[in-house]
Amino acid sequence: MSLTGRSMRLRKLFRPTRELQWALFALVLGLVSLCAGFLLSFKGLLRPGLERAVQATRDAVEGYVPDGQAPQTIHLLGGLLILLGLYLVWVGFRRGSSHFLSTLNPGLRGGSVDVYLRRLQLAEGPRVAAIGGGTGLSTLLRGLKNHTSNITAIVTVTDDGGSSGRLKKDKGMIPPGDIRNCLVALADAEKSMTDLFQHRFREDSGALSGHSIGNLLIAALTDQHKGDFERAVQAASDVLAIRGRVLPSTLSQVNLVARLADGREVTGETAIVESGSAIQELRLEPADCAPQSSVLEAIRDADLLCIGPGSVFTSVVPNLLVPGVVEAIRAAACPKVYICNVMTQPGESEGFTAAQHVDAIERIVGRRVFDWVLVNTAVPSDELLEKYRDSRQHRVEADVDQIHRKGYRLIAGNFMNATDVVRHDPVRVADRLMHLIEHNR
């Protein structure tokens, strides 16, 4: 490795602690200045005491060492006392800082100083904007948060099913379900807190049946903040101590409308998925819904833009239909990566290959949005594929040649996690995306 390369690696290693380095430097400089000031101002008072201490030490040493060796012994003793003092200062500083940090955050696990330095390092990580919704986006966020805390999740708000749909209808609020999943994925809070946030009431719970605690909490916070959904999400973010931030793609109340291959026009995510017909066009109503300025700013400032994974028509595309979002993506100078699904989805992408996912987004949006496509090439076991076949889901074929012909750059490999379900492996995907950022700098 060249000298320049080593220098860059050292700067990168120590960059997260530069504020701490300046603080320690100021502390040491202040102590030196304080000691020098005392010596200059009070040398008349201090000198006699110091001389008596030195003489007492010399008398004591001369009683135990041969003649002529007292000065060397005193010098050695002074050095040992300096080392002991440095060690005690370090022990005191480490234990004191650990106690201070653990008092501020009782849930801190592992060495408090190590955790503190790790958080500093994450704070210096790349700026990543991830666009999508559903479980796909939250899976990606779990991997990204191990590399950076500068994450902005931009989440679709067209869900009209389940708990989110009921809250949207009953309270006229933005559906919180996908936002809740992203908050939990980025959470740094105790597992007991995230489990509570995700807890869903059983069907025998009366009016609470099917509701999740997290959705109800966001609804309550929205009430507390007088209908301000953005502030409610920020308050929930503080409760979960998330790494990054979660933003709805628009704060407007919107519905997803589809024109189907059989000529019908259907409104609402649930109705679209259950329609049983191919989707030809999508639009938002109202069409003039406004994007958040913070969303456009996050896209503009990103070092990496991730689009997906998630339901191509009901999680990914709705964000791109918000006016101004596609223009901001196309204007961004960073790499823009579409993360293609591992499995097809009934009612949306049945029989789709990876290239057909890309075609669908281009067709609905009306232009090219991204320049990279991440595709999984691994194959699940026959047992898992059979399990999914019963629910009309199949592995997305990685037709990489077709994607290349369309002029896209390809990131292909084993990005699959196949246990009892098949989904993206968040660690593998995030590692590869960070590698892309490093090579783009």
Protein backbone atom coordinates (compact mmCIF):
# COMPACT_ATOMS: atom_id res chain seq x y z
CA MET A 1 0.00 0.00 0.00
CA SER A 2 1.31 3.46 -0.92
CA LEU A 3 2.14 6.11 1.65
CA THR A 4 -0.79 8.19 0.38
CA GLY A 5 -3.14 5.21 0.76
CA ARG A 6 -1.98 4.60 4.35
CA SER A 7 -2.44 8.28 5.16
CA MET A 8 -6.01 8.24 3.81
CA ARG A 9 -6.85 5.11 5.81
CA LEU A 10 -5.47 6.68 9.00
CA ARG A 11 -7.47 9.86 8.42
CA LYS A 12 -10.61 7.79 7.85
CA LEU A 13 -9.93 5.77 11.00
CA PHE A 14 -9.52 8.81 13.26
CA ARG A 15 -12.05 11.12 11.58
CA PRO A 16 -15.04 10.05 13.77
CA THR A 17 -13.13 11.12 16.92
CA ARG A 18 -11.80 14.45 15.70
CA GLU A 19 -14.12 16.44 17.99
CA LEU A 20 -13.02 14.26 20.92
CA GLN A 21 -9.36 14.76 19.93
CA TRP A 22 -9.79 18.54 19.97
CA ALA A 23 -11.53 18.35 23.36
CA LEU A 24 -8.70 16.27 24.85
CA PHE A 25 -6.10 18.56 23.31
CA ALA A 26 -7.83 21.59 24.86
CA LEU A 27 -7.98 19.75 28.22
CA VAL A 28 -4.25 18.90 28.21
CA LEU A 29 -3.31 22.40 27.06
CA GLY A 30 -5.48 23.87 29.81
CA LEU A 31 -3.84 21.69 32.50
CA VAL A 32 -0.34 22.64 31.28
CA SER A 33 -1.32 26.31 31.26
CA LEU A 34 -2.83 26.00 34.75
CA CYS A 35 0.30 24.32 36.17
CA ALA A 36 2.60 26.86 34.51
CA GLY A 37 0.52 29.70 35.88
CA PHE A 38 0.65 28.31 39.42
CA LEU A 39 4.42 27.84 39.20
CA LEU A 40 4.99 31.38 37.93
CA SER A 41 2.58 33.06 40.34
CA PHE A 42 3.25 31.04 43.50
CA LYS A 43 6.82 29.85 43.05
CA GLY A 44 7.82 31.71 46.17
CA LEU A 45 5.34 29.68 48.23
CA LEU A 46 5.74 26.40 46.40
CA ARG A 47 9.55 26.25 46.15
CA PRO A 48 10.29 25.75 49.88
CA GLY A 49 7.71 22.97 50.13
CA LEU A 50 9.04 21.24 47.02
CA GLU A 51 12.61 21.52 48.22
CA ARG A 52 11.69 20.00 51.60
CA ALA A 53 9.84 17.13 49.83
CA VAL A 54 12.85 16.46 47.58
CA GLN A 55 15.25 16.56 50.54
CA ALA A 56 13.05 14.18 52.56
CA THR A 57 12.93 11.78 49.62
CA ARG A 58 16.72 11.99 49.18
CA ASP A 59 17.31 11.27 52.89
CA ALA A 60 14.97 8.27 52.76
CA VAL A 61 16.56 6.88 49.60
CA GLU A 62 20.15 7.31 50.85
CA GLY A 63 19.33 5.04 53.78
CA TYR A 64 18.61 2.12 51.42
CA VAL A 65 20.93 2.52 48.41
CA PRO A 66 24.77 2.62 48.14
CA ASP A 67 26.57 5.96 48.16
CA GLY A 68 26.42 7.87 44.88
CA GLN A 69 23.33 6.08 43.51
CA ALA A 70 20.70 8.25 45.20
CA PRO A 71 20.22 10.70 42.25
CA GLN A 72 19.63 7.86 39.75
CA THR A 73 17.24 6.12 42.15
CA ILE A 74 15.27 9.33 42.72
CA HIS A 75 15.08 9.85 38.93
CA LEU A 76 13.78 6.29 38.46
CA LEU A 77 11.28 6.73 41.28
CA GLY A 78 10.01 9.93 39.66
CA GLY A 79 9.50 8.10 36.35
CA LEU A 80 7.54 5.31 38.06
CA LEU A 81 5.32 7.87 39.79
CA ILE A 82 4.65 9.56 36.43
CA LEU A 83 3.61 6.21 34.88
CA LEU A 84 1.43 5.40 37.89
CA GLY A 85 -0.19 8.81 37.64
CA LEU A 86 -0.94 8.39 33.92
CA TYR A 87 -2.41 4.93 34.57
CA LEU A 88 -4.64 6.20 37.39
CA VAL A 89 -5.79 9.14 35.26
CA TRP A 90 -6.70 6.74 32.43
CA VAL A 91 -8.55 4.36 34.76
CA GLY A 92 -10.41 7.22 36.36
CA PHE A 93 -11.30 8.77 32.99
CA ARG A 94 -12.52 5.47 31.52
CA ARG A 95 -14.59 4.50 34.56
CA GLY A 96 -15.97 8.00 34.97
CA SER A 97 -16.95 8.30 31.31
CA SER A 98 -18.52 4.81 31.37
CA HIS A 99 -20.56 5.74 34.43
CA PHE A 100 -21.56 9.05 32.83
CA LEU A 101 -22.64 7.45 29.54
CA SER A 102 -24.47 4.57 31.20
CA THR A 103 -26.30 7.07 33.41
CA LEU A 104 -27.41 9.03 30.35
CA ASN A 105 -28.41 5.79 28.59
CA PRO A 106 -29.11 2.91 31.01
CA GLY A 107 -29.78 0.58 28.09
CA LEU A 108 -26.21 0.80 26.79
CA ARG A 109 -24.75 -2.64 26.19
CA GLY A 110 -21.07 -3.56 26.03
CA GLY A 111 -18.27 -1.13 26.84
CA SER A 112 -19.81 2.32 27.08
CA VAL A 113 -16.76 4.04 25.58
CA ASP A 114 -16.65 1.52 22.73
CA VAL A 115 -20.35 2.08 22.04
CA TYR A 116 -19.81 5.83 22.13
CA LEU A 117 -16.96 5.60 19.60
CA ARG A 118 -19.06 3.31 17.42
CA ARG A 119 -21.85 5.86 17.37
CA LEU A 120 -19.38 8.57 16.45
CA GLN A 121 -18.23 6.42 13.55
CA LEU A 122 -21.81 5.84 12.36
CA ALA A 123 -22.47 9.58 12.55
CA GLU A 124 -19.65 10.07 10.02
CA GLY A 125 -21.13 7.44 7.65
CA PRO A 126 -22.41 8.16 4.13
CA ARG A 127 -25.77 9.83 3.51
CA VAL A 128 -28.22 7.24 2.21
CA ALA A 129 -31.79 7.89 1.04
CA ALA A 130 -33.91 4.73 0.78
CA ILE A 131 -37.24 4.95 -1.05
CA GLY A 132 -40.00 2.35 -0.78
CA GLY A 133 -42.35 0.79 1.71
CA GLY A 134 -43.63 -2.46 3.17
CA THR A 135 -41.37 -5.13 4.65
CA GLY A 136 -38.85 -4.80 1.80
CA LEU A 137 -37.67 -1.32 2.79
CA SER A 138 -37.53 -2.16 6.50
CA THR A 139 -35.35 -5.21 5.71
CA LEU A 140 -32.89 -3.02 3.81
CA LEU A 141 -32.76 -0.46 6.65
CA ARG A 142 -31.70 -3.14 9.15
CA GLY A 143 -28.55 -3.66 7.10
CA LEU A 144 -27.82 -0.02 6.33
CA LYS A 145 -27.93 1.09 9.97
CA ASN A 146 -24.83 -1.02 10.69
CA HIS A 147 -22.83 1.30 8.42
CA THR A 148 -24.27 4.76 8.97
CA SER A 149 -26.77 6.72 10.99
CA ASN A 150 -27.22 9.25 8.17
CA ILE A 151 -30.17 7.35 6.71
CA THR A 152 -33.38 8.88 5.39
CA ALA A 153 -36.19 6.41 4.75
CA ILE A 154 -38.75 7.90 2.33
CA VAL A 155 -41.92 5.89 2.76
CA THR A 156 -45.10 5.43 0.73
CA VAL A 157 -48.38 6.60 2.32
CA THR A 158 -51.01 4.88 0.15
CA ASP A 159 -51.69 1.84 2.37
CA ASP A 160 -55.43 1.39 2.93
CA GLY A 161 -55.59 -2.09 4.45
CA GLY A 162 -55.55 -3.51 7.98
CA SER A 163 -54.81 -1.28 10.97
CA SER A 164 -53.39 1.53 8.81
CA GLY A 165 -56.46 1.61 6.60
CA ARG A 166 -58.79 1.78 9.58
CA LEU A 167 -56.85 4.67 11.13
CA LYS A 168 -56.80 6.47 7.78
CA LYS A 169 -60.57 6.11 7.50
CA ASP A 170 -61.52 6.74 11.14
CA LYS A 171 -59.09 9.58 11.94
CA GLY A 172 -58.32 10.99 8.52
CA MET A 173 -54.59 10.55 9.19
CA ILE A 174 -51.75 9.34 7.01
CA PRO A 175 -51.54 5.52 7.27
CA PRO A 176 -48.73 4.76 9.74
CA GLY A 177 -48.01 1.06 9.11
CA ASP A 178 -45.08 1.26 6.70
CA ILE A 179 -43.62 4.16 8.67
CA ARG A 180 -43.89 2.11 11.87
CA ASN A 181 -41.99 -0.80 10.27
CA CYS A 182 -39.18 1.55 9.20
CA LEU A 183 -38.96 3.14 12.66
CA VAL A 184 -38.57 -0.29 14.25
CA ALA A 185 -35.98 -1.33 11.65
CA LEU A 186 -33.83 1.72 12.48
CA ALA A 187 -34.42 1.54 16.24
CA ASP A 188 -31.56 1.52 18.73
CA ALA A 189 -33.93 0.95 21.65
CA GLU A 190 -34.31 -2.13 23.81
CA LYS A 191 -35.82 -5.18 22.08
CA SER A 192 -38.67 -5.17 24.57
CA MET A 193 -39.62 -1.68 23.33
CA THR A 194 -39.52 -2.62 19.64
CA ASP A 195 -41.48 -5.82 20.35
CA LEU A 196 -44.11 -3.72 22.10
CA PHE A 197 -44.20 -1.29 19.18
CA GLN A 198 -44.87 -4.19 16.79
CA HIS A 199 -47.38 -6.00 19.00
CA ARG A 200 -50.71 -6.57 17.25
CA PHE A 201 -53.94 -7.16 19.16
CA ARG A 202 -55.67 -10.48 18.53
CA GLU A 203 -58.94 -10.70 16.63
CA ASP A 204 -60.91 -11.19 19.88
CA SER A 205 -59.88 -7.74 21.21
CA GLY A 206 -63.00 -5.87 20.21
CA ALA A 207 -62.39 -2.44 18.69
CA LEU A 208 -58.62 -2.97 19.10
CA SER A 209 -58.61 -6.17 17.02
CA GLY A 210 -55.88 -6.09 14.37
CA HIS A 211 -54.38 -2.80 15.53
CA SER A 212 -50.67 -2.63 16.34
CA ILE A 213 -49.41 -0.72 19.38
CA GLY A 214 -47.05 1.29 17.16
CA ASN A 215 -49.85 2.48 14.88
CA LEU A 216 -51.94 3.53 17.87
CA LEU A 217 -48.97 5.31 19.44
CA ILE A 218 -48.32 7.29 16.24
CA ALA A 219 -52.03 8.15 16.11
CA ALA A 220 -51.90 9.33 19.75
CA LEU A 221 -48.76 11.40 19.08
CA THR A 222 -50.50 12.97 16.07
CA ASP A 223 -53.33 14.03 18.37
CA GLN A 224 -50.86 15.40 20.92
CA HIS A 225 -49.19 17.47 18.20
CA LYS A 226 -52.53 18.84 16.97
CA GLY A 227 -52.61 16.81 13.76
CA ASP A 228 -48.98 17.39 12.80
CA PHE A 229 -48.04 13.93 11.49
CA GLU A 230 -44.43 14.89 10.79
CA ARG A 231 -43.84 15.93 14.41
CA ALA A 232 -45.60 12.77 15.60
CA VAL A 233 -43.19 10.59 13.60
CA GLN A 234 -40.25 12.55 15.01
CA ALA A 235 -41.55 11.98 18.54
CA ALA A 236 -41.86 8.24 17.84
CA SER A 237 -38.32 8.32 16.44
CA ASP A 238 -37.09 9.78 19.73
CA VAL A 239 -38.89 7.07 21.71
CA LEU A 240 -37.16 4.35 19.67
CA ALA A 241 -33.80 6.19 19.44
CA ILE A 242 -33.58 5.45 15.71
CA ARG A 243 -30.44 5.75 13.59
CA GLY A 244 -31.52 8.17 10.90
CA ARG A 245 -34.96 9.53 10.15
CA VAL A 246 -38.20 8.37 8.54
CA LEU A 247 -40.19 10.68 6.26
CA PRO A 248 -43.51 10.13 4.47
CA SER A 249 -43.07 10.88 0.77
CA THR A 250 -45.95 13.36 1.05
CA LEU A 251 -47.99 14.74 3.93
CA SER A 252 -51.08 14.94 1.70
CA GLN A 253 -53.93 12.44 2.00
CA VAL A 254 -53.58 10.43 -1.22
CA ASN A 255 -55.13 7.35 -2.81
CA LEU A 256 -53.56 5.07 -5.42
CA VAL A 257 -55.61 4.63 -8.60
CA ALA A 258 -54.90 1.97 -11.24
CA ARG A 259 -56.11 1.43 -14.80
CA LEU A 260 -56.16 -2.31 -15.45
CA ALA A 261 -55.61 -4.35 -18.60
CA ASP A 262 -59.33 -5.23 -18.72
CA GLY A 263 -60.25 -1.53 -18.87
CA ARG A 264 -61.40 -1.12 -15.27
CA GLU A 265 -60.24 1.70 -13.02
CA VAL A 266 -59.68 0.68 -9.40
CA THR A 267 -58.94 2.87 -6.37
CA GLY A 268 -56.95 1.76 -3.31
CA GLU A 269 -53.98 -0.56 -2.77
CA THR A 270 -56.07 -3.43 -1.48
CA ALA A 271 -58.54 -3.30 -4.36
CA ILE A 272 -55.70 -3.06 -6.91
CA VAL A 273 -53.93 -6.15 -5.55
CA GLU A 274 -57.20 -8.11 -5.41
CA SER A 275 -58.37 -7.03 -8.88
CA GLY A 276 -56.92 -10.08 -10.66
CA SER A 277 -55.92 -8.05 -13.72
CA ALA A 278 -52.60 -6.69 -14.95
CA ILE A 279 -51.82 -3.08 -14.05
CA GLN A 280 -51.38 -0.73 -17.01
CA GLU A 281 -51.25 2.71 -15.38
CA LEU A 282 -51.02 4.17 -11.89
CA ARG A 283 -51.67 7.64 -10.54
CA LEU A 284 -52.16 9.41 -7.23
CA GLU A 285 -55.31 11.30 -6.30
CA PRO A 286 -55.01 14.19 -5.85
CA ALA A 287 -52.30 14.37 -8.52
CA ASP A 288 -50.99 17.71 -7.23
CA CYS A 289 -49.98 16.35 -3.80
CA ALA A 290 -46.88 18.11 -2.54
CA PRO A 291 -43.62 16.41 -1.55
CA GLN A 292 -41.93 17.37 1.69
CA SER A 293 -39.04 19.78 1.23
CA SER A 294 -37.00 17.55 3.56
CA VAL A 295 -37.59 14.61 1.19
CA LEU A 296 -36.25 16.52 -1.81
CA GLU A 297 -33.33 17.77 0.27
CA ALA A 298 -32.43 14.24 1.42
CA ILE A 299 -32.47 13.01 -2.18
CA ARG A 300 -30.35 15.94 -3.36
CA ASP A 301 -27.70 15.51 -0.64
CA ALA A 302 -27.46 11.70 -0.72
CA ASP A 303 -24.26 9.76 -1.37
CA LEU A 304 -26.46 6.82 -2.41
CA LEU A 305 -30.10 6.46 -3.45
CA CYS A 306 -31.82 3.10 -2.94
CA ILE A 307 -35.17 2.41 -4.61
CA GLY A 308 -36.88 -0.69 -3.23
CA PRO A 309 -37.07 -3.50 -2.46
CA GLY A 310 -40.82 -3.84 -2.07
CA SER A 311 -44.05 -4.34 -3.95
CA VAL A 312 -43.27 -2.76 -7.28
CA PHE A 313 -46.69 -1.17 -7.87
CA THR A 314 -47.87 -0.46 -4.30
CA SER A 315 -44.64 0.24 -2.37
CA VAL A 316 -42.06 1.55 -4.85
CA VAL A 317 -43.92 3.36 -7.64
CA PRO A 318 -46.29 5.45 -5.42
CA ASN A 319 -43.30 7.40 -4.05
CA LEU A 320 -42.17 8.15 -7.60
CA LEU A 321 -45.60 9.52 -8.50
CA VAL A 322 -45.33 12.35 -5.96
CA PRO A 323 -44.55 15.50 -8.00
CA GLY A 324 -40.90 16.51 -7.85
CA VAL A 325 -39.51 13.23 -6.51
CA VAL A 326 -38.42 11.72 -9.84
CA GLU A 327 -36.92 15.04 -10.93
CA ALA A 328 -34.92 15.21 -7.70
CA ILE A 329 -33.70 11.63 -8.16
CA ARG A 330 -32.61 12.24 -11.74
CA ALA A 331 -30.78 15.43 -10.73
CA ALA A 332 -28.88 13.74 -7.88
CA ALA A 333 -25.20 13.10 -8.65
CA CYS A 334 -24.89 9.91 -6.57
CA PRO A 335 -25.40 6.27 -7.64
CA LYS A 336 -29.10 5.31 -7.87
CA VAL A 337 -29.79 1.62 -7.27
CA TYR A 338 -33.01 -0.29 -7.79
CA ILE A 339 -33.06 -3.32 -5.49
CA CYS A 340 -35.16 -5.93 -7.26
CA ASN A 341 -37.40 -8.28 -5.28
CA VAL A 342 -36.34 -11.86 -4.59
CA MET A 343 -39.85 -13.32 -5.01
CA THR A 344 -42.82 -12.31 -7.17
CA GLN A 345 -46.02 -11.10 -5.53
CA PRO A 346 -49.55 -12.29 -6.33
CA GLY A 347 -51.79 -9.59 -7.74
CA GLU A 348 -48.84 -7.40 -8.72
CA SER A 349 -45.82 -9.06 -10.30
CA GLU A 350 -46.85 -12.65 -11.03
CA GLY A 351 -44.44 -14.14 -13.54
CA PHE A 352 -42.19 -11.06 -13.59
CA THR A 353 -38.48 -11.43 -14.22
CA ALA A 354 -35.98 -8.89 -12.87
CA ALA A 355 -35.96 -7.05 -16.21
CA GLN A 356 -39.77 -6.91 -16.20
CA HIS A 357 -39.69 -5.23 -12.77
CA VAL A 358 -37.43 -2.57 -14.30
CA ASP A 359 -39.74 -2.27 -17.35
CA ALA A 360 -42.79 -1.83 -15.14
CA ILE A 361 -41.25 1.10 -13.25
CA GLU A 362 -40.10 2.78 -16.47
CA ARG A 363 -43.52 2.31 -18.05
CA ILE A 364 -45.51 3.70 -15.13
CA VAL A 365 -43.16 6.60 -14.35
CA GLY A 366 -42.55 7.39 -18.01
CA ARG A 367 -38.76 7.72 -17.83
CA ARG A 368 -35.58 6.11 -16.51
CA VAL A 369 -35.07 6.73 -12.80
CA PHE A 370 -32.03 4.70 -11.68
CA ASP A 371 -28.72 3.61 -13.22
CA TRP A 372 -27.90 0.45 -11.19
CA VAL A 373 -29.95 -2.70 -10.62
CA LEU A 374 -29.19 -5.09 -7.75
CA VAL A 375 -30.39 -8.62 -8.55
CA ASN A 376 -30.30 -11.80 -6.50
CA THR A 377 -28.99 -14.82 -8.44
CA ALA A 378 -29.24 -17.41 -5.64
CA VAL A 379 -31.96 -20.07 -5.75
CA PRO A 380 -34.02 -21.14 -2.70
CA SER A 381 -34.48 -24.81 -1.86
CA ASP A 382 -37.15 -26.84 -3.65
CA GLU A 383 -39.07 -27.17 -0.37
CA LEU A 384 -39.28 -23.39 0.06
CA LEU A 385 -40.20 -22.83 -3.58
CA GLU A 386 -43.00 -25.38 -3.23
CA LYS A 387 -44.28 -23.60 -0.13
CA TYR A 388 -44.42 -20.29 -2.03
CA ARG A 389 -45.99 -21.91 -5.10
CA ASP A 390 -49.12 -22.59 -3.06
CA SER A 391 -49.51 -18.81 -2.58
CA ARG A 392 -48.80 -18.08 -6.29
CA GLN A 393 -45.33 -16.71 -5.62
CA HIS A 394 -42.19 -17.64 -7.53
CA ARG A 395 -38.53 -16.77 -7.55
CA VAL A 396 -37.74 -13.67 -9.62
CA GLU A 397 -35.65 -14.86 -12.55
CA ALA A 398 -32.34 -12.98 -12.75
CA ASP A 399 -32.33 -12.27 -16.52
CA VAL A 400 -29.17 -10.17 -16.23
CA ASP A 401 -28.51 -10.11 -19.99
CA GLN A 402 -31.81 -8.31 -20.58
CA ILE A 403 -30.96 -5.73 -17.92
CA HIS A 404 -27.53 -5.18 -19.51
CA ARG A 405 -29.14 -4.66 -22.92
CA LYS A 406 -31.27 -1.91 -21.46
CA GLY A 407 -28.09 -0.03 -20.52
CA TYR A 408 -28.21 -0.51 -16.75
CA ARG A 409 -25.23 -1.34 -14.57
CA LEU A 410 -25.67 -4.58 -12.71
CA ILE A 411 -24.95 -5.75 -9.17
CA ALA A 412 -25.58 -9.50 -9.21
CA GLY A 413 -24.91 -12.09 -6.52
CA ASN A 414 -26.31 -14.08 -3.63
CA PHE A 415 -28.36 -11.52 -1.69
CA MET A 416 -30.90 -14.01 -0.36
CA ASN A 417 -31.77 -15.05 3.17
CA ALA A 418 -33.79 -18.28 3.04
CA THR A 419 -34.91 -19.73 6.37
CA ASP A 420 -38.64 -20.33 6.78
CA VAL A 421 -39.23 -17.41 4.39
CA VAL A 422 -37.30 -16.00 1.43
CA ARG A 423 -36.20 -12.38 1.61
CA HIS A 424 -33.13 -10.21 1.08
CA ASP A 425 -30.20 -10.67 3.42
CA PRO A 426 -29.86 -7.12 4.84
CA VAL A 427 -26.18 -7.56 5.75
CA ARG A 428 -25.10 -8.74 2.30
CA VAL A 429 -27.10 -6.09 0.49
CA ALA A 430 -25.84 -3.27 2.71
CA ASP A 431 -22.22 -4.42 2.45
CA ARG A 432 -22.42 -4.39 -1.35
CA LEU A 433 -24.06 -0.96 -1.40
CA MET A 434 -21.34 0.48 0.85
CA HIS A 435 -18.74 -0.99 -1.51
CA LEU A 436 -20.45 0.88 -4.37
CA ILE A 437 -20.24 4.17 -2.44
CA GLU A 438 -16.52 3.66 -1.76
CA HIS A 439 -15.81 3.06 -5.46
CA ASN A 440 -17.89 6.09 -6.51
CA ARG A 441 -15.93 8.54 -4.33
